[in-house]
Amino acid sequence: MSRITPASWISILRIALAPVFFGLAWEFGKELSHGNQVELIRFLALTVFAVASLSDALDGFVARRWNQVSRLGTALDPVGDKLLHLAAMIVFVVHPWSYEIHFAYALLTVLRDVLIIVGFLILLKVGRVSHLKPSVWSKVTTILQIVLLVWVLLTPPGSRPFAVAFEVYLYMTALATLVSSLVYARVLVRALR
């Protein structure tokens, strides 16, 4: 059995931080829905999200820089990303902080993430994971989704500046998510042939 590399430990940290972020963000949203704005909880949730997000760049850098790319790390990295994203989607649909994330958008995003994770695991199992390369649409969608979450996280609760711009951005991100899902599904089908 091979040892777990430092890059993989960073991915494991991100996976562990996802439920911590979820708990803090959920508690803040719940308190906010009762009229209580507990800034310490919001600050802690933002800090955990920031650390987890930065760990995503760090694990990839460490893996490439010190030649620690491993099968385990390749599997853990997207799981950590998707768990953090899923945690944010659930919280912002059930307990909105500032802008409302529509249920349909959250569902589309979650279905895309499930498609990516399940597809990746299938390709990993059949030994064809090398056939899976992130498309331009996938990268653009990920950036759009991260910006959307950061926008919600950094907007003070009860405030909705740029509400129209946010709605346009949300629909633009939803469209990119849909296109990315279709592109990914096509790539997955081709890789399994």
C-alpha atoms as a PDB file:
ATOM      1  CA  MET A   1       0.000   0.000   0.000  1.00  0.00           C
ATOM      2  CA  SER A   2       1.387   3.401  -0.920  1.00  0.00           C
ATOM      3  CA  ARG A   3       1.661   6.206   1.568  1.00  0.00           C
ATOM      4  CA  ILE A   4      -0.587   9.244   1.446  1.00  0.00           C
ATOM      5  CA  THR A   5       1.276  12.201  -0.057  1.00  0.00           C
ATOM      6  CA  PRO A   6       1.233  15.717   1.431  1.00  0.00           C
ATOM      7  CA  ALA A   7      -0.809  16.852  -1.592  1.00  0.00           C
ATOM      8  CA  SER A   8      -3.425  14.192  -0.789  1.00  0.00           C
ATOM      9  CA  TRP A   9      -3.463  15.278   2.873  1.00  0.00           C
ATOM     10  CA  ILE A  10      -4.303  18.799   1.689  1.00  0.00           C
ATOM     11  CA  SER A  11      -7.244  17.378  -0.284  1.00  0.00           C
ATOM     12  CA  ILE A  12      -8.317  15.412   2.790  1.00  0.00           C
ATOM     13  CA  LEU A  13      -8.202  18.650   4.792  1.00  0.00           C
ATOM     14  CA  ARG A  14     -10.539  20.294   2.241  1.00  0.00           C
ATOM     15  CA  ILE A  15     -12.936  17.361   2.500  1.00  0.00           C
ATOM     16  CA  ALA A  16     -12.882  17.700   6.305  1.00  0.00           C
ATOM     17  CA  LEU A  17     -13.479  21.461   6.098  1.00  0.00           C
ATOM     18  CA  ALA A  18     -16.613  21.094   3.948  1.00  0.00           C
ATOM     19  CA  PRO A  19     -18.853  19.921   6.834  1.00  0.00           C
ATOM     20  CA  VAL A  20     -17.290  22.526   9.144  1.00  0.00           C
ATOM     21  CA  PHE A  21     -18.177  25.250   6.631  1.00  0.00           C
ATOM     22  CA  PHE A  22     -21.642  23.736   6.225  1.00  0.00           C
ATOM     23  CA  GLY A  23     -22.299  23.750   9.975  1.00  0.00           C
ATOM     24  CA  LEU A  24     -21.133  27.327  10.434  1.00  0.00           C
ATOM     25  CA  ALA A  25     -22.910  28.643   7.331  1.00  0.00           C
ATOM     26  CA  TRP A  26     -26.101  26.780   8.256  1.00  0.00           C
ATOM     27  CA  GLU A  27     -26.048  28.174  11.789  1.00  0.00           C
ATOM     28  CA  PHE A  28     -25.462  31.708  10.512  1.00  0.00           C
ATOM     29  CA  GLY A  29     -28.274  31.381   7.957  1.00  0.00           C
ATOM     30  CA  LYS A  30     -30.633  29.908  10.550  1.00  0.00           C
ATOM     31  CA  GLU A  31     -29.875  32.700  13.017  1.00  0.00           C
ATOM     32  CA  LEU A  32     -30.277  35.249  10.223  1.00  0.00           C
ATOM     33  CA  SER A  33     -33.711  33.843   9.356  1.00  0.00           C
ATOM     34  CA  HIS A  34     -34.694  34.515  13.003  1.00  0.00           C
ATOM     35  CA  GLY A  35     -33.438  38.086  12.805  1.00  0.00           C
ATOM     36  CA  ASN A  36     -30.108  37.471  14.555  1.00  0.00           C
ATOM     37  CA  GLN A  37     -26.970  38.402  12.666  1.00  0.00           C
ATOM     38  CA  VAL A  38     -24.097  36.696  14.472  1.00  0.00           C
ATOM     39  CA  GLU A  39     -21.058  38.142  12.707  1.00  0.00           C
ATOM     40  CA  LEU A  40     -18.599  35.847  14.475  1.00  0.00           C
ATOM     41  CA  ILE A  41     -20.256  32.791  12.918  1.00  0.00           C
ATOM     42  CA  ARG A  42     -20.288  34.489   9.501  1.00  0.00           C
ATOM     43  CA  PHE A  43     -16.605  35.388   9.857  1.00  0.00           C
ATOM     44  CA  LEU A  44     -15.716  31.808  10.839  1.00  0.00           C
ATOM     45  CA  ALA A  45     -17.712  30.396   7.900  1.00  0.00           C
ATOM     46  CA  LEU A  46     -15.993  32.795   5.490  1.00  0.00           C
ATOM     47  CA  THR A  47     -12.587  31.889   6.926  1.00  0.00           C
ATOM     48  CA  VAL A  48     -13.189  28.147   6.605  1.00  0.00           C
ATOM     49  CA  PHE A  49     -14.452  28.629   3.034  1.00  0.00           C
ATOM     50  CA  ALA A  50     -11.389  30.711   2.157  1.00  0.00           C
ATOM     51  CA  VAL A  51      -8.958  28.170   3.641  1.00  0.00           C
ATOM     52  CA  ALA A  52     -10.722  25.292   1.880  1.00  0.00           C
ATOM     53  CA  SER A  53     -10.747  27.196  -1.430  1.00  0.00           C
ATOM     54  CA  LEU A  54      -7.061  28.070  -1.157  1.00  0.00           C
ATOM     55  CA  SER A  55      -6.246  24.453  -0.345  1.00  0.00           C
ATOM     56  CA  ASP A  56      -7.626  23.535  -3.773  1.00  0.00           C
ATOM     57  CA  ALA A  57      -4.904  25.523  -5.507  1.00  0.00           C
ATOM     58  CA  LEU A  58      -2.292  24.405  -2.996  1.00  0.00           C
ATOM     59  CA  ASP A  59      -2.822  20.651  -3.368  1.00  0.00           C
ATOM     60  CA  GLY A  60      -2.483  20.857  -7.150  1.00  0.00           C
ATOM     61  CA  PHE A  61       0.643  22.985  -6.873  1.00  0.00           C
ATOM     62  CA  VAL A  62       2.254  20.658  -4.330  1.00  0.00           C
ATOM     63  CA  ALA A  63       1.367  17.573  -6.379  1.00  0.00           C
ATOM     64  CA  ARG A  64       2.898  18.981  -9.574  1.00  0.00           C
ATOM     65  CA  ARG A  65       5.873  20.761  -7.987  1.00  0.00           C
ATOM     66  CA  TRP A  66       7.078  17.794  -5.953  1.00  0.00           C
ATOM     67  CA  ASN A  67       5.850  15.071  -8.302  1.00  0.00           C
ATOM     68  CA  GLN A  68       3.180  13.833  -5.888  1.00  0.00           C
ATOM     69  CA  VAL A  69       0.435  13.243  -8.433  1.00  0.00           C
ATOM     70  CA  SER A  70      -1.258  10.054  -7.254  1.00  0.00           C
ATOM     71  CA  ARG A  71      -4.358   8.079  -8.065  1.00  0.00           C
ATOM     72  CA  LEU A  72      -5.709   8.813  -4.578  1.00  0.00           C
ATOM     73  CA  GLY A  73      -5.039  12.548  -4.894  1.00  0.00           C
ATOM     74  CA  THR A  74      -6.615  12.600  -8.342  1.00  0.00           C
ATOM     75  CA  ALA A  75      -9.750  11.068  -6.831  1.00  0.00           C
ATOM     76  CA  LEU A  76      -9.811  13.189  -3.656  1.00  0.00           C
ATOM     77  CA  ASP A  77      -9.344  16.597  -5.303  1.00  0.00           C
ATOM     78  CA  PRO A  78     -12.693  16.806  -7.148  1.00  0.00           C
ATOM     79  CA  VAL A  79     -14.523  15.252  -4.189  1.00  0.00           C
ATOM     80  CA  GLY A  80     -13.279  18.031  -1.907  1.00  0.00           C
ATOM     81  CA  ASP A  81     -14.290  20.698  -4.427  1.00  0.00           C
ATOM     82  CA  LYS A  82     -17.745  19.243  -4.936  1.00  0.00           C
ATOM     83  CA  LEU A  83     -18.438  18.762  -1.223  1.00  0.00           C
ATOM     84  CA  LEU A  84     -17.577  22.381  -0.460  1.00  0.00           C
ATOM     85  CA  HIS A  85     -19.710  23.581  -3.347  1.00  0.00           C
ATOM     86  CA  LEU A  86     -22.600  21.301  -2.379  1.00  0.00           C
ATOM     87  CA  ALA A  87     -22.467  22.535   1.220  1.00  0.00           C
ATOM     88  CA  ALA A  88     -22.727  26.146   0.054  1.00  0.00           C
ATOM     89  CA  MET A  89     -25.586  25.369  -2.352  1.00  0.00           C
ATOM     90  CA  ILE A  90     -27.665  23.651   0.320  1.00  0.00           C
ATOM     91  CA  VAL A  91     -27.161  26.444   2.836  1.00  0.00           C
ATOM     92  CA  PHE A  92     -27.892  29.260   0.391  1.00  0.00           C
ATOM     93  CA  VAL A  93     -31.089  27.606  -0.861  1.00  0.00           C
ATOM     94  CA  VAL A  94     -32.471  26.767   2.590  1.00  0.00           C
ATOM     95  CA  HIS A  95     -31.109  29.766   4.540  1.00  0.00           C
ATOM     96  CA  PRO A  96     -30.262  32.609   2.122  1.00  0.00           C
ATOM     97  CA  TRP A  97     -27.653  35.052   3.401  1.00  0.00           C
ATOM     98  CA  SER A  98     -28.178  37.913   0.987  1.00  0.00           C
ATOM     99  CA  TYR A  99     -29.041  36.957  -2.572  1.00  0.00           C
ATOM    100  CA  GLU A 100     -31.339  34.031  -3.190  1.00  0.00           C
ATOM    101  CA  ILE A 101     -29.914  31.005  -4.965  1.00  0.00           C
ATOM    102  CA  HIS A 102     -32.804  29.424  -6.857  1.00  0.00           C
ATOM    103  CA  PHE A 103     -33.538  25.776  -6.164  1.00  0.00           C
ATOM    104  CA  ALA A 104     -33.452  24.949  -9.897  1.00  0.00           C
ATOM    105  CA  TYR A 105     -29.923  26.371 -10.182  1.00  0.00           C
ATOM    106  CA  ALA A 106     -28.756  24.483  -7.095  1.00  0.00           C
ATOM    107  CA  LEU A 107     -30.268  21.255  -8.441  1.00  0.00           C
ATOM    108  CA  LEU A 108     -28.576  21.727 -11.826  1.00  0.00           C
ATOM    109  CA  THR A 109     -25.267  22.384 -10.106  1.00  0.00           C
ATOM    110  CA  VAL A 110     -25.581  19.362  -7.825  1.00  0.00           C
ATOM    111  CA  LEU A 111     -26.547  17.094 -10.744  1.00  0.00           C
ATOM    112  CA  ARG A 112     -23.493  18.307 -12.690  1.00  0.00           C
ATOM    113  CA  ASP A 113     -21.268  17.614  -9.689  1.00  0.00           C
ATOM    114  CA  VAL A 114     -22.760  14.137  -9.253  1.00  0.00           C
ATOM    115  CA  LEU A 115     -22.222  13.447 -12.964  1.00  0.00           C
ATOM    116  CA  ILE A 116     -18.594  14.532 -12.673  1.00  0.00           C
ATOM    117  CA  ILE A 117     -17.869  12.492  -9.534  1.00  0.00           C
ATOM    118  CA  VAL A 118     -19.685   9.347 -10.673  1.00  0.00           C
ATOM    119  CA  GLY A 119     -18.195   9.633 -14.155  1.00  0.00           C
ATOM    120  CA  PHE A 120     -14.724  10.101 -12.732  1.00  0.00           C
ATOM    121  CA  LEU A 121     -15.101   7.097 -10.423  1.00  0.00           C
ATOM    122  CA  ILE A 122     -16.355   4.925 -13.296  1.00  0.00           C
ATOM    123  CA  LEU A 123     -13.424   5.945 -15.488  1.00  0.00           C
ATOM    124  CA  LEU A 124     -11.056   5.384 -12.564  1.00  0.00           C
ATOM    125  CA  LYS A 125     -12.498   1.888 -12.049  1.00  0.00           C
ATOM    126  CA  VAL A 126     -12.156   0.895 -15.731  1.00  0.00           C
ATOM    127  CA  GLY A 127      -8.696   2.462 -15.998  1.00  0.00           C
ATOM    128  CA  ARG A 128      -9.637   5.221 -18.424  1.00  0.00           C
ATOM    129  CA  VAL A 129      -9.334   8.253 -16.180  1.00  0.00           C
ATOM    130  CA  SER A 130      -6.629   9.621 -18.478  1.00  0.00           C
ATOM    131  CA  HIS A 131      -9.354  10.097 -21.109  1.00  0.00           C
ATOM    132  CA  LEU A 132     -10.932  12.714 -18.882  1.00  0.00           C
ATOM    133  CA  LYS A 133      -9.529  16.188 -19.268  1.00  0.00           C
ATOM    134  CA  PRO A 134     -11.346  19.318 -18.060  1.00  0.00           C
ATOM    135  CA  SER A 135     -12.904  21.143 -20.994  1.00  0.00           C
ATOM    136  CA  VAL A 136     -12.855  24.896 -21.456  1.00  0.00           C
ATOM    137  CA  TRP A 137     -16.558  24.859 -20.532  1.00  0.00           C
ATOM    138  CA  SER A 138     -15.779  23.002 -17.329  1.00  0.00           C
ATOM    139  CA  LYS A 139     -13.106  25.498 -16.300  1.00  0.00           C
ATOM    140  CA  VAL A 140     -15.264  28.516 -17.188  1.00  0.00           C
ATOM    141  CA  THR A 141     -18.219  27.036 -15.291  1.00  0.00           C
ATOM    142  CA  THR A 142     -16.121  26.355 -12.203  1.00  0.00           C
ATOM    143  CA  ILE A 143     -14.835  29.945 -12.186  1.00  0.00           C
ATOM    144  CA  LEU A 144     -18.356  31.343 -12.671  1.00  0.00           C
ATOM    145  CA  GLN A 145     -19.684  29.168  -9.837  1.00  0.00           C
ATOM    146  CA  ILE A 146     -16.902  30.172  -7.464  1.00  0.00           C
ATOM    147  CA  VAL A 147     -17.455  33.864  -8.208  1.00  0.00           C
ATOM    148  CA  LEU A 148     -21.194  33.376  -7.582  1.00  0.00           C
ATOM    149  CA  LEU A 149     -20.565  31.790  -4.184  1.00  0.00           C
ATOM    150  CA  VAL A 150     -18.000  34.415  -3.214  1.00  0.00           C
ATOM    151  CA  TRP A 151     -20.473  37.130  -4.279  1.00  0.00           C
ATOM    152  CA  VAL A 152     -23.096  35.683  -1.919  1.00  0.00           C
ATOM    153  CA  LEU A 153     -20.586  35.086   0.877  1.00  0.00           C
ATOM    154  CA  LEU A 154     -19.173  38.616   0.781  1.00  0.00           C
ATOM    155  CA  THR A 155     -22.451  40.499   0.399  1.00  0.00           C
ATOM    156  CA  PRO A 156     -23.591  41.769   3.792  1.00  0.00           C
ATOM    157  CA  PRO A 157     -26.783  40.018   4.921  1.00  0.00           C
ATOM    158  CA  GLY A 158     -29.946  41.979   4.307  1.00  0.00           C
ATOM    159  CA  SER A 159     -28.220  43.919   1.562  1.00  0.00           C
ATOM    160  CA  ARG A 160     -28.784  43.293  -2.129  1.00  0.00           C
ATOM    161  CA  PRO A 161     -26.725  45.762  -4.115  1.00  0.00           C
ATOM    162  CA  PHE A 162     -26.623  44.951  -7.812  1.00  0.00           C
ATOM    163  CA  ALA A 163     -29.673  42.657  -7.541  1.00  0.00           C
ATOM    164  CA  VAL A 164     -30.360  42.742 -11.296  1.00  0.00           C
ATOM    165  CA  ALA A 165     -26.706  42.069 -12.111  1.00  0.00           C
ATOM    166  CA  PHE A 166     -26.745  39.132  -9.692  1.00  0.00           C
ATOM    167  CA  GLU A 167     -29.824  37.601 -11.369  1.00  0.00           C
ATOM    168  CA  VAL A 168     -28.231  37.973 -14.818  1.00  0.00           C
ATOM    169  CA  TYR A 169     -25.009  36.442 -13.509  1.00  0.00           C
ATOM    170  CA  LEU A 170     -26.936  33.583 -11.887  1.00  0.00           C
ATOM    171  CA  TYR A 171     -28.682  32.743 -15.191  1.00  0.00           C
ATOM    172  CA  MET A 172     -25.412  33.045 -17.115  1.00  0.00           C
ATOM    173  CA  THR A 173     -23.777  30.649 -14.649  1.00  0.00           C
ATOM    174  CA  ALA A 174     -26.745  28.266 -14.933  1.00  0.00           C
ATOM    175  CA  LEU A 175     -26.406  28.233 -18.729  1.00  0.00           C
ATOM    176  CA  ALA A 176     -22.662  27.548 -18.499  1.00  0.00           C
ATOM    177  CA  THR A 177     -23.381  24.782 -15.972  1.00  0.00           C
ATOM    178  CA  LEU A 178     -25.873  23.165 -18.342  1.00  0.00           C
ATOM    179  CA  VAL A 179     -23.520  23.365 -21.344  1.00  0.00           C
ATOM    180  CA  SER A 180     -20.633  22.030 -19.241  1.00  0.00           C
ATOM    181  CA  SER A 181     -22.803  19.108 -18.085  1.00  0.00           C
ATOM    182  CA  LEU A 182     -23.709  18.198 -21.658  1.00  0.00           C
ATOM    183  CA  VAL A 183     -20.092  18.453 -22.813  1.00  0.00           C
ATOM    184  CA  TYR A 184     -18.954  16.326 -19.884  1.00  0.00           C
ATOM    185  CA  ALA A 185     -21.634  13.690 -20.548  1.00  0.00           C
ATOM    186  CA  ARG A 186     -20.519  13.476 -24.191  1.00  0.00           C
ATOM    187  CA  VAL A 187     -16.850  13.105 -23.164  1.00  0.00           C
ATOM    188  CA  LEU A 188     -17.795  10.425 -20.627  1.00  0.00           C
ATOM    189  CA  VAL A 189     -19.775   8.409 -23.190  1.00  0.00           C
ATOM    190  CA  ARG A 190     -16.909   8.606 -25.696  1.00  0.00           C
ATOM    191  CA  ALA A 191     -14.360   7.542 -23.056  1.00  0.00           C
ATOM    192  CA  LEU A 192     -16.423   4.465 -22.173  1.00  0.00           C
ATOM    193  CA  ARG A 193     -16.613   3.226 -25.779  1.00  0.00           C
END
